[in-house]
Amino acid sequence: MAAAGLTLLAGCATQEPINATLPSLYWPMTTQSAQVDTATARDMISAYRARNGAGPLRLDPELQKLAETEAAAMAAADRPSRAQTVKNAVERLGFQSAEANLSAGYHTLAEAFSGWRDSPAHNAAMLAPGVQRMGIATAYAPGSKYKVYWALLLAR
């Protein structure tokens, strides 16, 4: 009996991590080391934009860095930032038509996308005409009621 129990435990210890078995849009962002799959996010949002008559997006290193900074700042403050403040910061970097989806509480990319799509203001940002570039990031705040903060930045 004891040998059977050890065999079962050994099998559990060699299982692949959950992220290896899930598509990246379902990866939980509820750890310090979790990182959103930016290429999957870009492809999913671009496909959604295409279905709604808008152009595709490409990842932009500057917007990515700003999204990472903003997500971390929201997690540290334990509250979402004001979108207008972040959009102004994006435009000060030389981008035009800046949009920002700043949110908290979604634990996966799929949840965040669904929430943004179902919110008129966030949906309008994702479908904004003329935007071509994006950055997306999350930050985990274990002591927060929200746990995960999201920053999606879009601009031309």
Protein backbone atom coordinates (compact mmCIF):
# COMPACT_ATOMS: atom_id res chain seq x y z
CA MET A 1 0.00 0.00 0.00
CA ALA A 2 2.78 2.41 0.94
CA ALA A 3 4.63 1.64 -2.31
CA ALA A 4 1.47 2.39 -4.32
CA GLY A 5 1.09 5.71 -2.51
CA LEU A 6 4.71 6.65 -3.26
CA THR A 7 4.22 5.72 -6.91
CA LEU A 8 1.20 8.02 -7.12
CA LEU A 9 3.10 10.86 -5.44
CA ALA A 10 6.05 10.39 -7.79
CA GLY A 11 3.69 10.64 -10.75
CA CYS A 12 2.30 13.93 -9.43
CA ALA A 13 5.79 15.37 -8.97
CA THR A 14 6.66 14.79 -12.62
CA GLN A 15 3.53 16.33 -14.13
CA GLU A 16 3.98 19.28 -16.41
CA PRO A 17 3.11 22.71 -14.99
CA ILE A 18 -0.46 23.83 -15.69
CA ASN A 19 0.73 26.47 -18.19
CA ALA A 20 2.27 23.79 -20.38
CA THR A 21 -1.11 22.13 -20.85
CA LEU A 22 -3.31 25.21 -21.35
CA PRO A 23 -3.53 27.57 -24.32
CA SER A 24 -1.83 30.82 -23.30
CA LEU A 25 -5.06 32.81 -23.23
CA TYR A 26 -6.05 30.69 -20.22
CA TRP A 27 -2.76 30.96 -18.33
CA PRO A 28 -3.42 32.22 -14.80
CA MET A 29 -1.74 35.56 -14.15
CA THR A 30 -1.95 35.01 -10.40
CA THR A 31 1.75 34.58 -9.62
CA GLN A 32 4.68 36.99 -9.52
CA SER A 33 6.34 35.19 -12.44
CA ALA A 34 3.27 35.10 -14.71
CA GLN A 35 3.54 37.00 -17.98
CA VAL A 36 0.85 37.54 -20.53
CA ASP A 37 1.59 36.04 -23.95
CA THR A 38 1.82 39.31 -25.88
CA ALA A 39 1.78 37.65 -29.31
CA THR A 40 -1.42 35.77 -28.49
CA ALA A 41 -2.98 38.97 -27.14
CA ARG A 42 -1.99 40.84 -30.30
CA ASP A 43 -3.39 38.12 -32.54
CA MET A 44 -6.64 37.83 -30.60
CA ILE A 45 -7.28 41.57 -30.50
CA SER A 46 -6.24 41.99 -34.16
CA ALA A 47 -8.65 39.21 -35.21
CA TYR A 48 -11.42 40.89 -33.23
CA ARG A 49 -10.59 44.21 -34.87
CA ALA A 50 -10.64 42.57 -38.32
CA ARG A 51 -14.11 41.11 -37.67
CA ASN A 52 -15.22 44.66 -36.84
CA GLY A 53 -13.60 46.40 -39.82
CA ALA A 54 -10.48 47.73 -38.04
CA GLY A 55 -6.85 47.16 -38.96
CA PRO A 56 -4.36 44.81 -37.30
CA LEU A 57 -2.02 45.70 -34.45
CA ARG A 58 1.69 45.15 -33.97
CA LEU A 59 3.56 45.04 -30.70
CA ASP A 60 5.54 48.18 -30.00
CA PRO A 61 8.53 48.02 -27.61
CA GLU A 62 7.90 51.50 -26.15
CA LEU A 63 4.21 50.84 -25.55
CA GLN A 64 5.10 47.45 -24.08
CA LYS A 65 7.52 49.01 -21.62
CA LEU A 66 4.96 51.65 -20.64
CA ALA A 67 2.24 48.98 -20.20
CA GLU A 68 4.56 47.02 -17.91
CA THR A 69 5.36 50.13 -15.89
CA GLU A 70 1.69 51.09 -15.64
CA ALA A 71 0.54 47.60 -14.59
CA ALA A 72 3.22 47.53 -11.88
CA ALA A 73 2.23 51.01 -10.67
CA MET A 74 -1.43 50.00 -10.41
CA ALA A 75 -0.51 46.85 -8.48
CA ALA A 76 1.68 48.86 -6.10
CA ALA A 77 -1.10 51.43 -5.55
CA ASP A 78 -3.73 48.65 -5.32
CA ARG A 79 -6.07 50.49 -7.69
CA PRO A 80 -6.49 51.02 -11.43
CA SER A 81 -5.10 54.25 -12.86
CA ARG A 82 -7.09 56.84 -14.73
CA ALA A 83 -7.09 56.06 -18.44
CA GLN A 84 -6.83 59.71 -19.49
CA THR A 85 -3.63 60.18 -17.49
CA VAL A 86 -2.03 57.17 -19.15
CA LYS A 87 -3.26 58.19 -22.63
CA ASN A 88 -1.63 61.60 -22.11
CA ALA A 89 1.64 59.88 -21.16
CA VAL A 90 1.49 57.77 -24.32
CA GLU A 91 0.95 60.86 -26.46
CA ARG A 92 3.87 62.65 -24.76
CA LEU A 93 6.05 59.81 -26.09
CA GLY A 94 5.08 60.90 -29.62
CA PHE A 95 2.23 58.49 -30.29
CA GLN A 96 -1.14 59.66 -31.58
CA SER A 97 -4.71 58.50 -30.96
CA ALA A 98 -3.76 56.85 -27.68
CA GLU A 99 -6.19 54.46 -26.00
CA ALA A 100 -5.82 52.65 -22.69
CA ASN A 101 -7.68 49.75 -21.14
CA LEU A 102 -6.68 49.70 -17.49
CA SER A 103 -8.40 47.13 -15.36
CA ALA A 104 -8.09 44.73 -12.47
CA GLY A 105 -9.48 41.42 -11.34
CA TYR A 106 -9.23 39.39 -14.52
CA HIS A 107 -7.08 36.31 -13.91
CA THR A 108 -6.52 35.26 -17.54
CA LEU A 109 -6.15 36.92 -20.92
CA ALA A 110 -9.45 35.33 -21.98
CA GLU A 111 -11.24 36.92 -19.01
CA ALA A 112 -9.66 40.33 -19.65
CA PHE A 113 -10.56 40.25 -23.35
CA SER A 114 -14.15 39.23 -22.60
CA GLY A 115 -14.48 41.95 -19.98
CA TRP A 116 -13.09 44.59 -22.32
CA ARG A 117 -15.32 43.44 -25.16
CA ASP A 118 -18.40 43.63 -22.90
CA SER A 119 -17.59 47.14 -21.62
CA PRO A 120 -18.59 49.88 -24.09
CA ALA A 121 -15.64 52.13 -23.21
CA HIS A 122 -13.05 49.34 -23.24
CA ASN A 123 -14.50 47.87 -26.42
CA ALA A 124 -14.29 51.25 -28.15
CA ALA A 125 -10.61 51.46 -27.20
CA MET A 126 -9.89 48.01 -28.67
CA LEU A 127 -11.71 48.93 -31.89
CA ALA A 128 -10.38 52.49 -32.17
CA PRO A 129 -9.82 53.36 -35.83
CA GLY A 130 -6.30 54.23 -36.82
CA VAL A 131 -4.47 52.59 -33.94
CA GLN A 132 -1.76 50.26 -35.18
CA ARG A 133 0.49 49.55 -32.20
CA MET A 134 -0.01 48.03 -28.80
CA GLY A 135 1.56 47.01 -25.54
CA ILE A 136 -0.05 44.76 -22.94
CA ALA A 137 1.07 43.73 -19.47
CA THR A 138 -0.13 42.40 -16.14
CA ALA A 139 1.10 42.76 -12.59
CA TYR A 140 0.23 40.53 -9.67
CA ALA A 141 -0.62 42.00 -6.25
CA PRO A 142 -1.17 39.06 -3.86
CA GLY A 143 -2.56 41.24 -1.04
CA SER A 144 -5.06 43.02 -3.29
CA LYS A 145 -8.71 42.12 -3.59
CA TYR A 146 -8.18 42.26 -7.38
CA LYS A 147 -4.94 40.21 -7.48
CA VAL A 148 -4.14 41.00 -11.15
CA TYR A 149 -3.85 44.41 -12.83
CA TRP A 150 -3.96 44.85 -16.61
CA ALA A 151 -2.68 47.58 -18.91
CA LEU A 152 -3.49 47.49 -22.63
CA LEU A 153 -2.14 50.50 -24.51
CA LEU A 154 -3.02 51.21 -28.13
CA ALA A 155 -1.81 54.05 -30.35
CA ARG A 156 -0.87 55.21 -33.79
